């Protein structure tokens, strides 16, 4: 038996998404460390994704099991990022190492 729920305020959610998008663009130009900017951008992106999933995909009104199914890929993605993070910094990156010197063969 289907239960009815209150219709979400789609326009209100749209305005929140717009504000978060404008804040994301503004954060890029702040004089802060890149790591902090990245954390802020990821946090705002997750907030926007949650708003879209909860209201436009109607997960707010679904059972908890369906919500857990939707959150599982996010948890796997975070696990994968942290598992691969040591590999990123394990080898030195040699960009701009400078020109290599070569000698021309002498002709006799």
C-alpha atoms as a PDB file:
ATOM      1  CA  UNK A   1       0.000   0.000   0.000  1.00  0.00           C
ATOM      2  CA  UNK A   2       1.542   3.279  -1.092  1.00  0.00           C
ATOM      3  CA  UNK A   3       1.760   6.117   1.345  1.00  0.00           C
ATOM      4  CA  UNK A   4       1.535   9.702   0.235  1.00  0.00           C
ATOM      5  CA  UNK A   5       4.140  12.234   1.178  1.00  0.00           C
ATOM      6  CA  UNK A   6       4.376  15.982   1.050  1.00  0.00           C
ATOM      7  CA  UNK A   7       5.501  17.348  -2.318  1.00  0.00           C
ATOM      8  CA  UNK A   8       9.079  18.669  -2.021  1.00  0.00           C
ATOM      9  CA  UNK A   9       9.831  22.313  -2.722  1.00  0.00           C
ATOM     10  CA  UNK A  10      11.724  21.879  -5.999  1.00  0.00           C
ATOM     11  CA  UNK A  11      12.257  25.599  -6.488  1.00  0.00           C
ATOM     12  CA  UNK A  12      13.760  25.909  -2.994  1.00  0.00           C
ATOM     13  CA  UNK A  13      16.125  23.023  -3.701  1.00  0.00           C
ATOM     14  CA  UNK A  14      17.045  24.649  -7.031  1.00  0.00           C
ATOM     15  CA  UNK A  15      17.978  27.894  -5.269  1.00  0.00           C
ATOM     16  CA  UNK A  16      20.143  25.997  -2.757  1.00  0.00           C
ATOM     17  CA  UNK A  17      21.898  24.223  -5.623  1.00  0.00           C
ATOM     18  CA  UNK A  18      22.474  27.559  -7.359  1.00  0.00           C
ATOM     19  CA  UNK A  19      23.908  29.135  -4.201  1.00  0.00           C
ATOM     20  CA  UNK A  20      26.227  26.170  -3.661  1.00  0.00           C
ATOM     21  CA  UNK A  21      27.404  26.378  -7.285  1.00  0.00           C
ATOM     22  CA  UNK A  22      28.175  30.092  -6.926  1.00  0.00           C
ATOM     23  CA  UNK A  23      30.046  29.383  -3.681  1.00  0.00           C
ATOM     24  CA  UNK A  24      32.065  26.678  -5.444  1.00  0.00           C
ATOM     25  CA  UNK A  25      33.129  29.129  -8.130  1.00  0.00           C
ATOM     26  CA  UNK A  26      33.990  31.707  -5.449  1.00  0.00           C
ATOM     27  CA  UNK A  27      36.043  29.264  -3.374  1.00  0.00           C
ATOM     28  CA  UNK A  28      38.427  28.725  -6.278  1.00  0.00           C
ATOM     29  CA  UNK A  29      39.564  32.348  -6.118  1.00  0.00           C
ATOM     30  CA  UNK A  30      40.122  32.476  -2.337  1.00  0.00           C
ATOM     31  CA  UNK A  31      43.729  32.850  -1.162  1.00  0.00           C
ATOM     32  CA  UNK A  32      43.889  29.533   0.691  1.00  0.00           C
ATOM     33  CA  UNK A  33      45.891  26.343   0.486  1.00  0.00           C
ATOM     34  CA  UNK A  34      44.953  24.094  -2.402  1.00  0.00           C
ATOM     35  CA  UNK A  35      44.245  21.220  -0.042  1.00  0.00           C
ATOM     36  CA  UNK A  36      41.692  23.290   1.885  1.00  0.00           C
ATOM     37  CA  UNK A  37      40.088  24.463  -1.356  1.00  0.00           C
ATOM     38  CA  UNK A  38      39.816  20.837  -2.492  1.00  0.00           C
ATOM     39  CA  UNK A  39      38.179  19.821   0.791  1.00  0.00           C
ATOM     40  CA  UNK A  40      35.670  22.673   0.519  1.00  0.00           C
ATOM     41  CA  UNK A  41      34.853  21.832  -3.100  1.00  0.00           C
ATOM     42  CA  UNK A  42      34.364  18.144  -2.355  1.00  0.00           C
ATOM     43  CA  UNK A  43      32.178  18.974   0.643  1.00  0.00           C
ATOM     44  CA  UNK A  44      29.969  21.296  -1.392  1.00  0.00           C
ATOM     45  CA  UNK A  45      29.773  18.760  -4.245  1.00  0.00           C
ATOM     46  CA  UNK A  46      28.673  16.039  -1.817  1.00  0.00           C
ATOM     47  CA  UNK A  47      26.067  18.400  -0.377  1.00  0.00           C
ATOM     48  CA  UNK A  48      24.721  19.119  -3.846  1.00  0.00           C
ATOM     49  CA  UNK A  49      24.691  15.421  -4.730  1.00  0.00           C
ATOM     50  CA  UNK A  50      22.792  14.683  -1.518  1.00  0.00           C
ATOM     51  CA  UNK A  51      20.194  17.351  -2.287  1.00  0.00           C
ATOM     52  CA  UNK A  52      19.659  15.983  -5.787  1.00  0.00           C
ATOM     53  CA  UNK A  53      19.428  12.396  -4.538  1.00  0.00           C
ATOM     54  CA  UNK A  54      17.082  13.219  -1.675  1.00  0.00           C
ATOM     55  CA  UNK A  55      14.634  15.463  -3.492  1.00  0.00           C
ATOM     56  CA  UNK A  56      14.846  14.969  -7.251  1.00  0.00           C
ATOM     57  CA  UNK A  57      15.413  11.216  -7.018  1.00  0.00           C
ATOM     58  CA  UNK A  58      12.941  10.972  -4.100  1.00  0.00           C
ATOM     59  CA  UNK A  59      15.314   8.979  -1.882  1.00  0.00           C
ATOM     60  CA  UNK A  60      14.223  11.034   1.106  1.00  0.00           C
ATOM     61  CA  UNK A  61      10.859   9.304   1.006  1.00  0.00           C
ATOM     62  CA  UNK A  62      12.140   5.785   0.354  1.00  0.00           C
ATOM     63  CA  UNK A  63      13.059   3.049   2.767  1.00  0.00           C
ATOM     64  CA  UNK A  64      16.411   3.025   4.484  1.00  0.00           C
ATOM     65  CA  UNK A  65      17.556   0.014   2.460  1.00  0.00           C
ATOM     66  CA  UNK A  66      17.312   1.918  -0.816  1.00  0.00           C
ATOM     67  CA  UNK A  67      19.248   4.810   0.732  1.00  0.00           C
ATOM     68  CA  UNK A  68      22.010   2.441   1.824  1.00  0.00           C
ATOM     69  CA  UNK A  69      22.185   1.040  -1.690  1.00  0.00           C
ATOM     70  CA  UNK A  70      22.661   4.577  -2.997  1.00  0.00           C
ATOM     71  CA  UNK A  71      25.360   5.435  -0.411  1.00  0.00           C
ATOM     72  CA  UNK A  72      27.433   2.275  -0.925  1.00  0.00           C
ATOM     73  CA  UNK A  73      29.194   3.480  -4.134  1.00  0.00           C
ATOM     74  CA  UNK A  74      30.165   6.705  -2.352  1.00  0.00           C
ATOM     75  CA  UNK A  75      31.773   4.756   0.481  1.00  0.00           C
ATOM     76  CA  UNK A  76      33.610   2.528  -1.996  1.00  0.00           C
ATOM     77  CA  UNK A  77      34.876   5.607  -3.849  1.00  0.00           C
ATOM     78  CA  UNK A  78      36.220   7.166  -0.645  1.00  0.00           C
ATOM     79  CA  UNK A  79      37.880   3.878   0.292  1.00  0.00           C
ATOM     80  CA  UNK A  80      39.486   3.648  -3.147  1.00  0.00           C
ATOM     81  CA  UNK A  81      40.801   7.218  -2.983  1.00  0.00           C
ATOM     82  CA  UNK A  82      42.410   6.676   0.408  1.00  0.00           C
ATOM     83  CA  UNK A  83      43.777   3.281  -0.643  1.00  0.00           C
ATOM     84  CA  UNK A  84      45.466   4.767  -3.723  1.00  0.00           C
ATOM     85  CA  UNK A  85      46.696   7.955  -2.053  1.00  0.00           C
ATOM     86  CA  UNK A  86      50.013   6.432  -0.854  1.00  0.00           C
ATOM     87  CA  UNK A  87      50.776   5.293  -4.409  1.00  0.00           C
ATOM     88  CA  UNK A  88      50.487   8.851  -5.672  1.00  0.00           C
ATOM     89  CA  UNK A  89      53.231  10.159  -3.406  1.00  0.00           C
ATOM     90  CA  UNK A  90      55.442   7.052  -3.401  1.00  0.00           C
ATOM     91  CA  UNK A  91      57.462   7.905  -6.514  1.00  0.00           C
ATOM     92  CA  UNK A  92      59.070  11.256  -7.179  1.00  0.00           C
ATOM     93  CA  UNK A  93      57.719  13.112 -10.162  1.00  0.00           C
ATOM     94  CA  UNK A  94      60.464  14.401 -12.418  1.00  0.00           C
ATOM     95  CA  UNK A  95      58.741  17.174 -14.293  1.00  0.00           C
ATOM     96  CA  UNK A  96      61.026  19.915 -15.521  1.00  0.00           C
ATOM     97  CA  UNK A  97      64.192  18.036 -14.584  1.00  0.00           C
ATOM     98  CA  UNK A  98      66.234  20.124 -16.972  1.00  0.00           C
ATOM     99  CA  UNK A  99      67.892  19.440 -20.289  1.00  0.00           C
ATOM    100  CA  UNK A 100      70.039  16.404 -20.730  1.00  0.00           C
ATOM    101  CA  UNK A 101      73.448  16.839 -22.268  1.00  0.00           C
ATOM    102  CA  UNK A 102      74.401  14.754 -25.234  1.00  0.00           C
ATOM    103  CA  UNK A 103      77.634  14.774 -27.093  1.00  0.00           C
ATOM    104  CA  UNK A 104      77.790  14.590 -30.841  1.00  0.00           C
ATOM    105  CA  UNK A 105      79.836  11.743 -32.264  1.00  0.00           C
ATOM    106  CA  UNK A 106      83.155  12.877 -33.587  1.00  0.00           C
ATOM    107  CA  UNK A 107      83.789  12.223 -37.242  1.00  0.00           C
ATOM    108  CA  UNK A 108      87.289  11.282 -38.430  1.00  0.00           C
END
